[in-house]
Amino acid sequence: MTWRLLLTVLVVANVASALAVVHARHQHRQLFVQATRLEKARDELNIEFGRLQLEQATWAESNRIDQVARDRLGMKFPEGAEIVVIRP
């Protein structure tokens, strides 16, 4: 009787252990897929960030600002006679 009980307990423990291994492997696979997706998203965001930095540098160039001020706003540098110096 005790051998039968011991054998039953060992079989149940073995099945429980096998189920735990299956669950752990399944969870590992899910986490690996999620990590891969997140790495891909990170890489895409890094590429986008670099592109935006380049775009910002292009828009902020002083010669570009000068050109836009001349073309779109009709601005120009003042002549010597147009400059007024105000002193306190």
N, C-alpha and C. Protein backbone atom coordinates (compact mmCIF):
# COMPACT_ATOMS: atom_id res chain seq x y z
N MET A 1 0.82 -1.19 0.00
CA MET A 1 0.00 0.00 0.00
C MET A 1 0.86 1.25 0.00
N THR A 2 1.92 1.26 0.76
CA THR A 2 2.76 2.45 0.82
C THR A 2 3.53 2.66 -0.48
N TRP A 3 3.89 1.53 -1.15
CA TRP A 3 4.58 1.68 -2.44
C TRP A 3 3.65 2.29 -3.48
N ARG A 4 2.42 1.87 -3.44
CA ARG A 4 1.44 2.40 -4.39
C ARG A 4 1.21 3.89 -4.13
N LEU A 5 1.11 4.29 -2.89
CA LEU A 5 0.92 5.70 -2.53
C LEU A 5 2.16 6.51 -2.94
N LEU A 6 3.33 5.98 -2.65
CA LEU A 6 4.56 6.65 -3.03
C LEU A 6 4.67 6.81 -4.54
N LEU A 7 4.32 5.76 -5.28
CA LEU A 7 4.35 5.81 -6.74
C LEU A 7 3.36 6.84 -7.27
N THR A 8 2.18 6.90 -6.70
CA THR A 8 1.17 7.88 -7.11
C THR A 8 1.66 9.30 -6.87
N VAL A 9 2.24 9.53 -5.70
CA VAL A 9 2.76 10.86 -5.38
C VAL A 9 3.88 11.24 -6.35
N LEU A 10 4.76 10.30 -6.66
CA LEU A 10 5.85 10.58 -7.59
C LEU A 10 5.34 10.87 -9.00
N VAL A 11 4.32 10.14 -9.44
CA VAL A 11 3.75 10.38 -10.77
C VAL A 11 3.10 11.76 -10.82
N VAL A 12 2.34 12.10 -9.78
CA VAL A 12 1.69 13.41 -9.73
C VAL A 12 2.75 14.52 -9.71
N ALA A 13 3.80 14.34 -8.93
CA ALA A 13 4.88 15.33 -8.87
C ALA A 13 5.57 15.46 -10.22
N ASN A 14 5.76 14.34 -10.89
CA ASN A 14 6.40 14.36 -12.21
C ASN A 14 5.54 15.10 -13.23
N VAL A 15 4.24 14.85 -13.21
CA VAL A 15 3.32 15.54 -14.13
C VAL A 15 3.29 17.03 -13.82
N ALA A 16 3.24 17.38 -12.54
CA ALA A 16 3.24 18.79 -12.15
C ALA A 16 4.53 19.47 -12.59
N SER A 17 5.64 18.80 -12.44
CA SER A 17 6.92 19.35 -12.87
C SER A 17 6.95 19.54 -14.39
N ALA A 18 6.42 18.59 -15.12
CA ALA A 18 6.38 18.70 -16.58
C ALA A 18 5.51 19.87 -17.01
N LEU A 19 4.36 20.04 -16.35
CA LEU A 19 3.49 21.17 -16.67
C LEU A 19 4.17 22.50 -16.35
N ALA A 20 4.92 22.54 -15.26
CA ALA A 20 5.65 23.76 -14.91
C ALA A 20 6.71 24.09 -15.96
N VAL A 21 7.39 23.07 -16.47
CA VAL A 21 8.40 23.29 -17.51
C VAL A 21 7.73 23.81 -18.78
N VAL A 22 6.60 23.22 -19.16
CA VAL A 22 5.88 23.67 -20.36
C VAL A 22 5.45 25.12 -20.19
N HIS A 23 4.92 25.45 -19.03
CA HIS A 23 4.48 26.83 -18.77
C HIS A 23 5.67 27.80 -18.83
N ALA A 24 6.78 27.43 -18.25
CA ALA A 24 7.97 28.30 -18.24
C ALA A 24 8.49 28.51 -19.66
N ARG A 25 8.51 27.46 -20.47
CA ARG A 25 8.98 27.60 -21.86
C ARG A 25 8.03 28.49 -22.67
N HIS A 26 6.73 28.31 -22.45
CA HIS A 26 5.75 29.14 -23.16
C HIS A 26 5.93 30.61 -22.79
N GLN A 27 6.09 30.87 -21.51
CA GLN A 27 6.29 32.25 -21.04
C GLN A 27 7.60 32.82 -21.61
N HIS A 28 8.64 32.02 -21.65
CA HIS A 28 9.92 32.46 -22.21
C HIS A 28 9.76 32.85 -23.68
N ARG A 29 9.03 32.04 -24.44
CA ARG A 29 8.83 32.35 -25.86
C ARG A 29 8.04 33.65 -26.03
N GLN A 30 7.01 33.83 -25.23
CA GLN A 30 6.23 35.07 -25.32
C GLN A 30 7.08 36.29 -24.99
N LEU A 31 7.89 36.19 -23.95
CA LEU A 31 8.74 37.31 -23.57
C LEU A 31 9.81 37.58 -24.62
N PHE A 32 10.32 36.54 -25.24
CA PHE A 32 11.32 36.72 -26.30
C PHE A 32 10.71 37.45 -27.49
N VAL A 33 9.50 37.06 -27.88
CA VAL A 33 8.82 37.72 -28.99
C VAL A 33 8.57 39.18 -28.65
N GLN A 34 8.13 39.45 -27.43
CA GLN A 34 7.88 40.82 -27.00
C GLN A 34 9.18 41.64 -27.01
N ALA A 35 10.26 41.06 -26.52
CA ALA A 35 11.55 41.76 -26.51
C ALA A 35 12.01 42.06 -27.93
N THR A 36 11.81 41.13 -28.84
CA THR A 36 12.18 41.35 -30.24
C THR A 36 11.38 42.50 -30.84
N ARG A 37 10.08 42.52 -30.56
CA ARG A 37 9.23 43.61 -31.06
C ARG A 37 9.67 44.95 -30.50
N LEU A 38 9.98 44.98 -29.21
CA LEU A 38 10.41 46.23 -28.58
C LEU A 38 11.75 46.71 -29.12
N GLU A 39 12.66 45.79 -29.40
CA GLU A 39 13.95 46.17 -29.99
C GLU A 39 13.75 46.76 -31.38
N LYS A 40 12.84 46.18 -32.15
CA LYS A 40 12.56 46.70 -33.49
C LYS A 40 11.96 48.10 -33.39
N ALA A 41 11.03 48.28 -32.46
CA ALA A 41 10.42 49.60 -32.27
C ALA A 41 11.47 50.62 -31.83
N ARG A 42 12.39 50.20 -30.94
CA ARG A 42 13.46 51.09 -30.49
C ARG A 42 14.33 51.51 -31.66
N ASP A 43 14.69 50.56 -32.51
CA ASP A 43 15.53 50.87 -33.67
C ASP A 43 14.82 51.84 -34.62
N GLU A 44 13.53 51.62 -34.84
CA GLU A 44 12.77 52.52 -35.71
C GLU A 44 12.69 53.92 -35.12
N LEU A 45 12.51 54.01 -33.80
CA LEU A 45 12.46 55.32 -33.15
C LEU A 45 13.82 56.02 -33.20
N ASN A 46 14.90 55.27 -33.07
CA ASN A 46 16.23 55.87 -33.18
C ASN A 46 16.47 56.43 -34.58
N ILE A 47 16.02 55.72 -35.60
CA ILE A 47 16.15 56.20 -36.97
C ILE A 47 15.33 57.47 -37.16
N GLU A 48 14.10 57.47 -36.66
CA GLU A 48 13.23 58.65 -36.76
C GLU A 48 13.83 59.83 -36.01
N PHE A 49 14.41 59.58 -34.84
CA PHE A 49 15.03 60.65 -34.05
C PHE A 49 16.20 61.27 -34.81
N GLY A 50 17.02 60.44 -35.43
CA GLY A 50 18.13 60.96 -36.22
C GLY A 50 17.66 61.79 -37.39
N ARG A 51 16.60 61.33 -38.04
CA ARG A 51 16.04 62.08 -39.17
C ARG A 51 15.50 63.43 -38.70
N LEU A 52 14.83 63.44 -37.55
CA LEU A 52 14.29 64.69 -37.03
C LEU A 52 15.38 65.65 -36.59
N GLN A 53 16.47 65.12 -36.04
CA GLN A 53 17.59 65.99 -35.68
C GLN A 53 18.19 66.64 -36.92
N LEU A 54 18.33 65.87 -37.98
CA LEU A 54 18.85 66.41 -39.23
C LEU A 54 17.91 67.48 -39.80
N GLU A 55 16.62 67.21 -39.74
CA GLU A 55 15.64 68.17 -40.23
C GLU A 55 15.69 69.45 -39.41
N GLN A 56 15.80 69.31 -38.10
CA GLN A 56 15.87 70.48 -37.22
C GLN A 56 17.12 71.31 -37.53
N ALA A 57 18.24 70.65 -37.74
CA ALA A 57 19.47 71.36 -38.06
C ALA A 57 19.34 72.10 -39.39
N THR A 58 18.65 71.48 -40.35
CA THR A 58 18.45 72.12 -41.65
C THR A 58 17.59 73.37 -41.52
N TRP A 59 16.50 73.27 -40.75
CA TRP A 59 15.60 74.41 -40.59
C TRP A 59 16.24 75.53 -39.78
N ALA A 60 17.18 75.22 -38.92
CA ALA A 60 17.76 76.22 -38.03
C ALA A 60 19.02 76.88 -38.60
N GLU A 61 19.46 76.50 -39.79
CA GLU A 61 20.65 77.12 -40.37
C GLU A 61 20.40 78.60 -40.60
N SER A 62 21.38 79.42 -40.27
CA SER A 62 21.21 80.87 -40.35
C SER A 62 21.00 81.34 -41.79
N ASN A 63 21.68 80.73 -42.74
CA ASN A 63 21.48 81.16 -44.13
C ASN A 63 20.08 80.82 -44.62
N ARG A 64 19.50 79.74 -44.12
CA ARG A 64 18.12 79.40 -44.48
C ARG A 64 17.15 80.42 -43.90
N ILE A 65 17.37 80.80 -42.64
CA ILE A 65 16.51 81.79 -42.00
C ILE A 65 16.62 83.12 -42.74
N ASP A 66 17.84 83.50 -43.12
CA ASP A 66 18.06 84.74 -43.87
C ASP A 66 17.32 84.69 -45.20
N GLN A 67 17.39 83.57 -45.90
CA GLN A 67 16.74 83.42 -47.20
C GLN A 67 15.22 83.50 -47.07
N VAL A 68 14.66 82.86 -46.06
CA VAL A 68 13.21 82.90 -45.85
C VAL A 68 12.79 84.32 -45.50
N ALA A 69 13.56 85.02 -44.67
CA ALA A 69 13.23 86.40 -44.31
C ALA A 69 13.23 87.30 -45.54
N ARG A 70 14.17 87.09 -46.44
CA ARG A 70 14.23 87.91 -47.66
C ARG A 70 13.08 87.57 -48.62
N ASP A 71 12.87 86.28 -48.87
CA ASP A 71 11.90 85.86 -49.88
C ASP A 71 10.45 86.01 -49.42
N ARG A 72 10.13 85.47 -48.28
CA ARG A 72 8.73 85.43 -47.85
C ARG A 72 8.29 86.71 -47.14
N LEU A 73 9.18 87.31 -46.39
CA LEU A 73 8.79 88.47 -45.59
C LEU A 73 9.26 89.79 -46.19
N GLY A 74 10.07 89.73 -47.23
CA GLY A 74 10.54 90.95 -47.87
C GLY A 74 11.50 91.75 -47.00
N MET A 75 12.18 91.09 -46.09
CA MET A 75 13.10 91.78 -45.19
C MET A 75 14.45 91.96 -45.89
N LYS A 76 15.19 92.99 -45.43
CA LYS A 76 16.53 93.24 -45.96
C LYS A 76 17.35 93.89 -44.86
N PHE A 77 18.65 93.89 -45.05
CA PHE A 77 19.52 94.57 -44.09
C PHE A 77 19.35 96.08 -44.28
N PRO A 78 19.31 96.83 -43.19
CA PRO A 78 19.12 98.28 -43.33
C PRO A 78 20.38 98.95 -43.88
N GLU A 79 20.16 100.03 -44.60
CA GLU A 79 21.27 100.84 -45.10
C GLU A 79 21.82 101.65 -43.93
N GLY A 80 22.97 102.23 -44.12
CA GLY A 80 23.61 103.01 -43.06
C GLY A 80 22.74 104.14 -42.55
N ALA A 81 22.03 104.82 -43.46
CA ALA A 81 21.18 105.96 -43.07
C ALA A 81 19.92 105.50 -42.35
N GLU A 82 19.55 104.25 -42.50
CA GLU A 82 18.33 103.74 -41.87
C GLU A 82 18.57 103.26 -40.44
N ILE A 83 19.82 103.20 -40.03
CA ILE A 83 20.15 102.71 -38.69
C ILE A 83 20.07 103.87 -37.71
N VAL A 84 19.31 103.69 -36.65
CA VAL A 84 19.18 104.70 -35.60
C VAL A 84 19.70 104.10 -34.32
N VAL A 85 20.64 104.80 -33.68
CA VAL A 85 21.19 104.35 -32.41
C VAL A 85 20.52 105.13 -31.31
N ILE A 86 19.96 104.45 -30.35
CA ILE A 86 19.27 105.09 -29.23
C ILE A 86 20.14 104.92 -28.00
N ARG A 87 20.45 106.05 -27.38
CA ARG A 87 21.28 106.01 -26.18
C ARG A 87 20.49 106.55 -25.02
N PRO A 88 20.76 106.04 -23.80
CA PRO A 88 20.00 106.52 -22.63
C PRO A 88 20.36 107.94 -22.24
